[in-house]
Protein backbone atom coordinates (compact mmCIF):
# COMPACT_ATOMS: atom_id res chain seq x y z
CA MET A 1 288.22 -8.39 178.75
CA LYS A 2 290.05 -7.93 182.15
CA GLU A 3 292.16 -4.65 182.49
CA ILE A 4 295.80 -5.12 183.73
CA VAL A 5 296.88 -2.52 186.18
CA ILE A 6 300.43 -2.05 186.74
CA PRO A 7 301.44 0.10 189.86
CA LYS A 8 303.09 3.46 189.06
CA ARG A 9 305.97 2.65 191.42
CA THR A 10 306.71 -0.63 189.61
CA LEU A 11 306.60 1.10 186.28
CA VAL A 12 308.98 3.76 187.30
CA THR A 13 311.28 1.39 188.95
CA THR A 14 311.46 -0.69 185.96
CA LEU A 15 312.14 2.18 183.73
CA LEU A 16 314.85 3.46 185.99
CA LEU A 17 316.69 0.09 186.14
CA LEU A 18 316.49 -0.25 182.17
CA SER A 19 317.82 3.37 181.95
CA LEU A 20 320.64 2.61 184.35
CA GLY A 21 321.39 -0.73 182.64
CA ALA A 22 321.76 1.04 179.37
CA ILE A 23 324.14 3.65 181.08
CA ALA A 24 326.08 0.83 182.70
CA ILE A 25 326.55 -1.00 179.35
CA TRP A 26 327.91 2.13 177.97
CA TRP A 27 329.82 3.06 181.01
CA VAL A 28 331.54 -0.10 182.34
CA PRO A 29 334.12 -0.31 179.44
CA ARG A 30 335.34 3.18 180.26
CA LEU A 31 335.64 2.29 183.91
CA ILE A 32 337.89 -0.61 183.47
CA GLY A 33 340.30 1.10 181.01
CA ALA A 34 338.77 1.11 177.48
CA ILE A 35 339.30 5.02 177.40
CA ASN A 36 342.44 6.89 176.57
CA TYR A 37 343.49 8.10 179.99
CA GLY A 38 345.92 10.79 178.53
CA GLU A 39 342.93 12.46 176.78
CA PHE A 40 340.94 12.20 179.93
CA GLU A 41 343.37 14.31 181.80
CA ALA A 42 343.82 16.87 179.23
CA GLN A 43 340.19 17.95 179.00
CA THR A 44 338.71 20.70 181.35
CA LEU A 45 335.19 20.56 182.39
CA ILE A 46 333.18 23.82 182.60
CA SER A 47 331.86 24.42 186.21
CA VAL A 48 328.11 25.16 186.41
CA PRO A 49 327.38 26.75 189.80
CA GLN A 50 323.80 26.78 190.75
CA SER A 51 324.45 28.06 194.38
CA GLN A 52 327.33 28.72 196.75
CA PRO A 53 327.65 25.81 198.91
CA SER A 54 329.49 26.29 202.27
CA VAL A 55 332.95 25.03 202.83
CA ASN A 56 331.59 22.30 205.18
CA GLU A 57 328.92 21.16 202.17
CA ASP A 58 331.97 21.00 199.73
CA ALA A 59 334.24 19.05 202.22
CA SER A 60 331.38 16.62 202.84
CA ALA A 61 330.80 16.16 199.22
CA GLN A 62 334.53 15.75 198.39
CA ALA A 63 334.64 13.10 201.24
CA ALA A 64 331.80 11.29 199.69
CA ALA A 65 333.51 11.21 196.38
CA ILE A 66 336.84 9.90 197.84
CA ALA A 67 335.16 7.31 199.90
CA GLY A 68 333.01 6.00 197.25
CA ALA A 69 335.72 5.70 194.70
CA GLN A 70 337.95 3.89 197.42
CA ALA A 71 335.07 1.55 198.04
CA PHE A 72 334.46 0.72 194.65
CA TYR A 73 338.12 -0.05 193.75
CA SER A 74 339.05 -1.91 196.95
CA ILE A 75 338.44 -5.45 196.05
CA ASP A 76 339.28 -8.80 197.81
CA TYR A 77 337.81 -11.87 196.07
CA GLN A 78 338.04 -13.79 199.39
CA GLU A 79 335.66 -11.28 201.19
CA GLY A 80 333.15 -11.95 198.43
CA PHE A 81 330.77 -9.91 196.41
CA GLN A 82 328.23 -9.17 199.19
CA THR A 83 330.89 -7.74 201.45
CA TRP A 84 332.13 -5.50 198.65
CA LEU A 85 328.59 -4.39 197.89
CA ASP A 86 327.48 -3.69 201.43
CA ARG A 87 330.55 -1.43 201.92
CA LEU A 88 329.83 0.38 198.59
CA CYS A 89 326.23 0.64 199.26
CA SER A 90 326.69 2.13 202.73
CA LEU A 91 328.30 5.05 200.81
CA SER A 92 326.04 5.30 197.78
CA THR A 93 322.90 6.75 196.92
CA GLU A 94 319.78 4.52 196.74
CA THR A 95 319.94 4.49 192.85
CA GLY A 96 323.74 3.81 192.75
CA CYS A 97 323.28 0.90 195.20
CA ILE A 98 320.65 -0.57 192.90
CA VAL A 99 322.92 -0.37 189.82
CA TYR A 100 325.88 -1.86 191.70
CA GLN A 101 323.71 -4.73 193.01
CA ASN A 102 321.80 -5.67 189.89
CA ILE A 103 323.96 -4.53 186.95
CA ILE A 104 327.68 -3.53 187.43
CA GLY A 105 328.57 -5.65 190.47
CA PRO A 106 327.55 -9.05 189.11
CA SER A 107 329.17 -8.47 185.75
CA LEU A 108 332.55 -7.27 187.31
CA TRP A 109 332.68 -9.71 190.27
CA ALA A 110 332.86 -12.84 188.03
CA ASP A 111 336.06 -11.54 186.68
CA PHE A 112 337.44 -10.57 190.11
CA ASP A 113 336.71 -13.99 191.57
CA GLN A 114 338.14 -15.75 188.57
CA ALA A 115 341.30 -13.65 188.72
CA LYS A 116 341.52 -13.89 192.44
CA SER A 117 341.67 -10.06 192.53
CA ALA A 118 342.86 -8.25 195.75
CA THR A 119 343.36 -4.65 195.25
CA THR A 120 343.33 -1.69 197.52
CA ALA A 121 342.72 1.82 196.31
CA THR A 122 344.10 5.27 197.52
CA VAL A 123 342.23 8.15 196.21
CA VAL A 124 343.13 11.70 196.17
CA SER A 125 340.88 14.45 195.36
CA GLN A 126 342.01 16.97 192.49
CA GLY A 127 339.19 19.34 193.00
CA LYS A 128 335.47 19.97 192.30
CA VAL A 129 334.68 20.40 188.57
CA GLN A 130 330.95 20.92 188.56
CA GLU A 131 328.06 21.54 190.84
CA GLN A 132 324.37 21.98 190.36
CA LEU A 133 320.99 20.74 191.43
CA ALA A 134 319.76 17.24 190.32
CA ALA A 135 316.52 17.94 188.50
CA SER A 136 315.52 14.39 188.46
CA ARG A 137 316.02 13.93 192.27
CA GLY A 138 313.89 16.80 193.52
CA ASN A 139 316.59 19.32 193.01
CA ALA A 140 318.90 17.71 195.37
CA PRO A 141 322.37 19.28 195.32
CA MET A 142 325.10 17.37 193.23
CA GLN A 143 328.60 17.77 192.50
CA VAL A 144 331.14 16.15 190.30
CA TRP A 145 334.86 15.82 191.78
CA ARG A 146 337.82 14.82 189.78
CA VAL A 147 339.78 12.22 191.67
CA GLU A 148 343.21 10.45 191.12
CA ILE A 149 342.94 6.70 192.02
CA GLU A 150 346.02 4.50 192.64
CA LEU A 151 345.64 0.79 192.86
CA SER A 152 347.86 -1.77 194.59
CA ALA A 153 347.46 -4.05 191.63
CA PRO A 154 345.61 -3.55 188.23
CA LEU A 155 342.16 -4.88 187.59
CA PRO A 156 341.69 -8.08 185.43
CA GLN A 157 339.13 -6.31 183.22
CA GLN A 158 341.51 -3.53 182.02
CA SER A 159 342.76 -4.02 178.44
CA ASP A 160 345.81 -1.81 179.28
CA PRO A 161 346.58 -2.67 182.94
CA GLN A 162 347.08 0.58 184.81
CA THR A 163 347.40 1.23 188.57
CA ARG A 164 347.08 5.09 188.56
CA PHE A 165 344.33 6.95 186.63
CA PRO A 166 341.88 9.78 186.92
CA ALA A 167 338.16 9.57 187.34
CA LEU A 168 335.05 11.74 187.69
CA ALA A 169 332.96 10.90 190.70
CA LEU A 170 329.36 12.12 190.91
CA VAL A 171 327.97 12.80 194.41
CA ILE A 172 324.37 13.77 195.36
CA LYS A 173 322.96 14.86 198.57
CA GLU A 174 320.37 12.49 199.92
CA GLY A 175 318.63 14.12 202.88
CA SER A 176 321.39 15.61 204.89
CA THR A 177 324.10 13.21 203.66
CA TRP A 178 326.29 13.52 200.62
CA LYS A 179 326.30 10.12 198.83
CA PHE A 180 328.59 8.68 196.09
CA GLU A 181 326.50 7.86 192.86
CA ARG A 182 328.81 6.62 190.18
CA PHE A 183 331.78 7.50 187.94
CA LEU A 184 331.13 9.68 184.83
CA SER A 185 333.10 9.88 181.62
CA GLU A 186 334.19 13.42 180.44
CA GLU A 187 331.43 13.18 177.86
CA GLU A 188 328.78 12.62 180.35
CA ALA A 189 329.99 15.20 182.77
CA GLN A 190 329.79 17.72 179.80
CA ALA A 191 326.34 16.61 178.94
CA LEU A 192 325.29 16.84 182.62
CA GLY A 193 326.36 20.52 182.61
CA LYS A 194 324.39 21.20 179.48
CA ASN A 195 321.17 19.24 180.45
CA GLY A 196 320.61 21.14 183.59
CA GLY A 197 320.94 18.51 186.25
CA LEU A 198 319.60 15.39 184.90
CA PRO A 199 322.06 12.60 186.14
């Protein structure tokens, strides 16, 4: 009987993609308007400081949150999926890019294409709500920023079309650069604070 050997990297990558897929399935409906935004705005997160980042670090993390949110919500069906993905991935973590490329992007882009969506986003920071170390990323610094997003036109996937809404953007420092990872629900952000840095 021949033994089958699966490389550890392949196994870890597969498990990561399956985990991210499960998160995306839970997260995408909230992203496109299935949550009650009034409740979203009313809740306050508990900040969990792990260290005292410099003002420059906070400014860089904030800029990553704003740029990532703006890239995610700036859509032009005529540019096509790959252009949108390239722009988003240039600002995203490696893990975030994999999820956008394989899970979130393809499921959303079909609707954007069919609806001929062309939307630009203006994003304003409302402040940092949490910071800690990402235990699953070698204790890389991570922060959660509350942002206000204003769209030039509603998204086709929204059950209650809105052009202005809040969001929580997770950013993680990869090497020396802050990168956008993904959006969090209030529940995910609360759990993140309790789980000691497991995004």
